[in-house]
Amino acid sequence: HVQLVESGGGSVQAGGSLRLSCAASGYTSSSYCMGWFRQAPGKEREWVSSISTDGSTTYADPVKGRFTISRGNAKNTLYLQMNSLKAEDTAMYYCAARRCWIPPNKYTYWGQGTQVTVS
């Protein structure tokens, strides 16, 4: 049973950086694909980035060139390095996981979220 806990959110000025972390408990398999999502007030949740078991990464157009998703040395740690932050990046950010063989639009596990505010 996988549980995800995000951390690293906060308030920064435009142009600043933040590094989000996601700690997974019960993450004993290498068969999980991981992703980051975000949701701004009054907006639908949107996909931000994903990383596969082979290390392949994908990004939503608005964050390409600014955000970097990565796995830590430990298999149960996920990061999102966010640089050149913009006001439109303000949102609650969620870590998510799914078995890699299920469709990418069906993530099974979700964290509680960490708030990112860019002013």
C-alpha atoms as a PDB file:
ATOM      1  CA  HIS A   1       0.000   0.000   0.000  1.00  0.00           C
ATOM      2  CA  VAL A   2       1.699   3.155  -1.241  1.00  0.00           C
ATOM      3  CA  GLN A   3       1.371   6.441   0.627  1.00  0.00           C
ATOM      4  CA  LEU A   4       2.788   9.684  -0.743  1.00  0.00           C
ATOM      5  CA  VAL A   5       3.775  12.793   1.199  1.00  0.00           C
ATOM      6  CA  GLU A   6       4.839  16.009  -0.524  1.00  0.00           C
ATOM      7  CA  SER A   7       7.020  18.711   0.975  1.00  0.00           C
ATOM      8  CA  GLY A   8       9.053  21.710  -0.099  1.00  0.00           C
ATOM      9  CA  GLY A   9       6.293  24.091  -1.065  1.00  0.00           C
ATOM     10  CA  GLY A  10       6.272  27.707  -0.029  1.00  0.00           C
ATOM     11  CA  SER A  11       6.075  31.293  -1.182  1.00  0.00           C
ATOM     12  CA  VAL A  12       8.616  32.734  -3.587  1.00  0.00           C
ATOM     13  CA  GLN A  13       8.923  35.755  -5.808  1.00  0.00           C
ATOM     14  CA  ALA A  14       8.654  35.460  -9.553  1.00  0.00           C
ATOM     15  CA  GLY A  15      11.893  34.187 -11.015  1.00  0.00           C
ATOM     16  CA  GLY A  16      12.717  32.212  -7.907  1.00  0.00           C
ATOM     17  CA  SER A  17      13.091  28.479  -7.416  1.00  0.00           C
ATOM     18  CA  LEU A  18      11.644  25.717  -5.289  1.00  0.00           C
ATOM     19  CA  ARG A  19      12.346  22.017  -5.004  1.00  0.00           C
ATOM     20  CA  LEU A  20       9.423  19.796  -4.174  1.00  0.00           C
ATOM     21  CA  SER A  21       9.933  16.377  -2.666  1.00  0.00           C
ATOM     22  CA  CYS A  22       7.688  13.354  -2.527  1.00  0.00           C
ATOM     23  CA  ALA A  23       8.359  10.586  -0.050  1.00  0.00           C
ATOM     24  CA  ALA A  24       6.653   7.294  -0.730  1.00  0.00           C
ATOM     25  CA  SER A  25       6.090   4.659   1.904  1.00  0.00           C
ATOM     26  CA  GLY A  26       5.391   1.132   0.829  1.00  0.00           C
ATOM     27  CA  TYR A  27       7.201   1.880  -2.411  1.00  0.00           C
ATOM     28  CA  THR A  28       9.090  -1.376  -2.737  1.00  0.00           C
ATOM     29  CA  SER A  29       8.598  -1.967  -6.441  1.00  0.00           C
ATOM     30  CA  SER A  30      10.394  -0.450  -9.399  1.00  0.00           C
ATOM     31  CA  SER A  31       7.292  -0.837 -11.536  1.00  0.00           C
ATOM     32  CA  TYR A  32       5.716   2.520 -10.630  1.00  0.00           C
ATOM     33  CA  CYS A  33       5.509   5.497 -12.885  1.00  0.00           C
ATOM     34  CA  MET A  34       5.484   8.768 -10.962  1.00  0.00           C
ATOM     35  CA  GLY A  35       4.047  12.146 -11.764  1.00  0.00           C
ATOM     36  CA  TRP A  36       3.386  15.649 -10.533  1.00  0.00           C
ATOM     37  CA  PHE A  37       0.080  17.438 -10.900  1.00  0.00           C
ATOM     38  CA  ARG A  38      -1.114  20.854  -9.817  1.00  0.00           C
ATOM     39  CA  GLN A  39      -4.392  22.580  -9.185  1.00  0.00           C
ATOM     40  CA  ALA A  40      -4.979  26.297  -8.889  1.00  0.00           C
ATOM     41  CA  PRO A  41      -8.064  27.739  -7.171  1.00  0.00           C
ATOM     42  CA  GLY A  42     -11.074  27.517  -9.454  1.00  0.00           C
ATOM     43  CA  LYS A  43      -9.151  25.464 -11.993  1.00  0.00           C
ATOM     44  CA  GLU A  44      -9.096  21.808 -12.905  1.00  0.00           C
ATOM     45  CA  ARG A  45      -6.198  19.649 -11.852  1.00  0.00           C
ATOM     46  CA  GLU A  46      -3.557  19.530 -14.558  1.00  0.00           C
ATOM     47  CA  TRP A  47      -0.668  17.233 -15.259  1.00  0.00           C
ATOM     48  CA  VAL A  48       2.773  18.764 -14.869  1.00  0.00           C
ATOM     49  CA  SER A  49       5.382  16.058 -15.401  1.00  0.00           C
ATOM     50  CA  SER A  50       5.985  12.305 -15.321  1.00  0.00           C
ATOM     51  CA  ILE A  51       8.910   9.940 -15.017  1.00  0.00           C
ATOM     52  CA  SER A  52       8.948   6.295 -16.044  1.00  0.00           C
ATOM     53  CA  THR A  53      10.863   3.381 -14.569  1.00  0.00           C
ATOM     54  CA  ASP A  54      13.500   3.718 -17.276  1.00  0.00           C
ATOM     55  CA  GLY A  55      14.061   7.358 -16.350  1.00  0.00           C
ATOM     56  CA  SER A  56      12.212   8.815 -19.312  1.00  0.00           C
ATOM     57  CA  THR A  57      10.619  12.159 -18.499  1.00  0.00           C
ATOM     58  CA  THR A  58       7.814  14.194 -19.988  1.00  0.00           C
ATOM     59  CA  TYR A  59       6.583  17.698 -19.257  1.00  0.00           C
ATOM     60  CA  ALA A  60       3.551  19.814 -19.850  1.00  0.00           C
ATOM     61  CA  ASP A  61       4.250  22.639 -22.278  1.00  0.00           C
ATOM     62  CA  PRO A  62       3.924  25.457 -19.695  1.00  0.00           C
ATOM     63  CA  VAL A  63       6.778  24.073 -17.583  1.00  0.00           C
ATOM     64  CA  LYS A  64       9.168  22.789 -20.231  1.00  0.00           C
ATOM     65  CA  GLY A  65      12.641  24.194 -19.780  1.00  0.00           C
ATOM     66  CA  ARG A  66      11.871  25.370 -16.251  1.00  0.00           C
ATOM     67  CA  PHE A  67      10.891  22.272 -14.270  1.00  0.00           C
ATOM     68  CA  THR A  68      12.838  19.044 -13.857  1.00  0.00           C
ATOM     69  CA  ILE A  69      11.424  15.813 -12.486  1.00  0.00           C
ATOM     70  CA  SER A  70      13.809  13.265 -11.018  1.00  0.00           C
ATOM     71  CA  ARG A  71      14.110  10.283  -8.725  1.00  0.00           C
ATOM     72  CA  GLY A  72      16.383  10.271  -5.721  1.00  0.00           C
ATOM     73  CA  ASN A  73      18.952   7.608  -5.009  1.00  0.00           C
ATOM     74  CA  ALA A  74      16.288   5.941  -2.931  1.00  0.00           C
ATOM     75  CA  LYS A  75      13.578   4.401  -5.066  1.00  0.00           C
ATOM     76  CA  ASN A  76      10.863   5.952  -2.927  1.00  0.00           C
ATOM     77  CA  THR A  77      11.817   9.595  -3.423  1.00  0.00           C
ATOM     78  CA  LEU A  78      10.605  11.896  -6.179  1.00  0.00           C
ATOM     79  CA  TYR A  79      11.612  15.502  -6.823  1.00  0.00           C
ATOM     80  CA  LEU A  80      10.386  18.416  -8.864  1.00  0.00           C
ATOM     81  CA  GLN A  81      12.922  21.191  -9.313  1.00  0.00           C
ATOM     82  CA  MET A  82      11.103  24.358 -10.294  1.00  0.00           C
ATOM     83  CA  ASN A  83      13.110  27.260 -11.667  1.00  0.00           C
ATOM     84  CA  SER A  84      12.144  30.615 -13.133  1.00  0.00           C
ATOM     85  CA  LEU A  85       8.828  30.436 -11.362  1.00  0.00           C
ATOM     86  CA  LYS A  86       5.951  32.508 -12.649  1.00  0.00           C
ATOM     87  CA  ALA A  87       2.787  33.722 -11.004  1.00  0.00           C
ATOM     88  CA  GLU A  88       0.802  31.255 -13.088  1.00  0.00           C
ATOM     89  CA  ASP A  89       2.692  28.413 -11.403  1.00  0.00           C
ATOM     90  CA  THR A  90       0.832  29.172  -8.190  1.00  0.00           C
ATOM     91  CA  ALA A  91      -1.099  26.038  -7.266  1.00  0.00           C
ATOM     92  CA  MET A  92      -1.360  23.088  -4.956  1.00  0.00           C
ATOM     93  CA  TYR A  93       1.115  20.515  -6.217  1.00  0.00           C
ATOM     94  CA  TYR A  94       0.413  16.813  -5.905  1.00  0.00           C
ATOM     95  CA  CYS A  95       2.644  13.800  -6.208  1.00  0.00           C
ATOM     96  CA  ALA A  96       1.063  10.747  -7.807  1.00  0.00           C
ATOM     97  CA  ALA A  97       1.954   7.174  -8.662  1.00  0.00           C
ATOM     98  CA  ARG A  98       0.607   4.391 -10.818  1.00  0.00           C
ATOM     99  CA  ARG A  99       1.669   1.034 -12.093  1.00  0.00           C
ATOM    100  CA  CYS A 100       3.379   1.717 -15.373  1.00  0.00           C
ATOM    101  CA  TRP A 101       1.199  -0.691 -17.316  1.00  0.00           C
ATOM    102  CA  ILE A 102      -2.023   1.168 -16.618  1.00  0.00           C
ATOM    103  CA  PRO A 103      -3.036   4.234 -18.658  1.00  0.00           C
ATOM    104  CA  PRO A 104      -1.357   7.520 -17.678  1.00  0.00           C
ATOM    105  CA  ASN A 105      -4.760   9.094 -17.040  1.00  0.00           C
ATOM    106  CA  LYS A 106      -5.431   6.681 -14.175  1.00  0.00           C
ATOM    107  CA  TYR A 107      -3.047   7.355 -11.309  1.00  0.00           C
ATOM    108  CA  THR A 108      -3.803   5.197  -8.283  1.00  0.00           C
ATOM    109  CA  TYR A 109      -2.003   6.920  -5.420  1.00  0.00           C
ATOM    110  CA  TRP A 110      -1.989  10.592  -4.472  1.00  0.00           C
ATOM    111  CA  GLY A 111      -0.302  12.753  -1.881  1.00  0.00           C
ATOM    112  CA  GLN A 112      -2.015  15.435   0.181  1.00  0.00           C
ATOM    113  CA  GLY A 113      -0.449  18.269  -1.768  1.00  0.00           C
ATOM    114  CA  THR A 114       1.979  21.072  -1.026  1.00  0.00           C
ATOM    115  CA  GLN A 115       1.197  24.712  -1.744  1.00  0.00           C
ATOM    116  CA  VAL A 116       3.348  26.769  -4.080  1.00  0.00           C
ATOM    117  CA  THR A 117       2.703  30.492  -4.219  1.00  0.00           C
ATOM    118  CA  VAL A 118       4.555  32.777  -6.614  1.00  0.00           C
ATOM    119  CA  SER A 119       4.120  36.510  -6.220  1.00  0.00           C
END
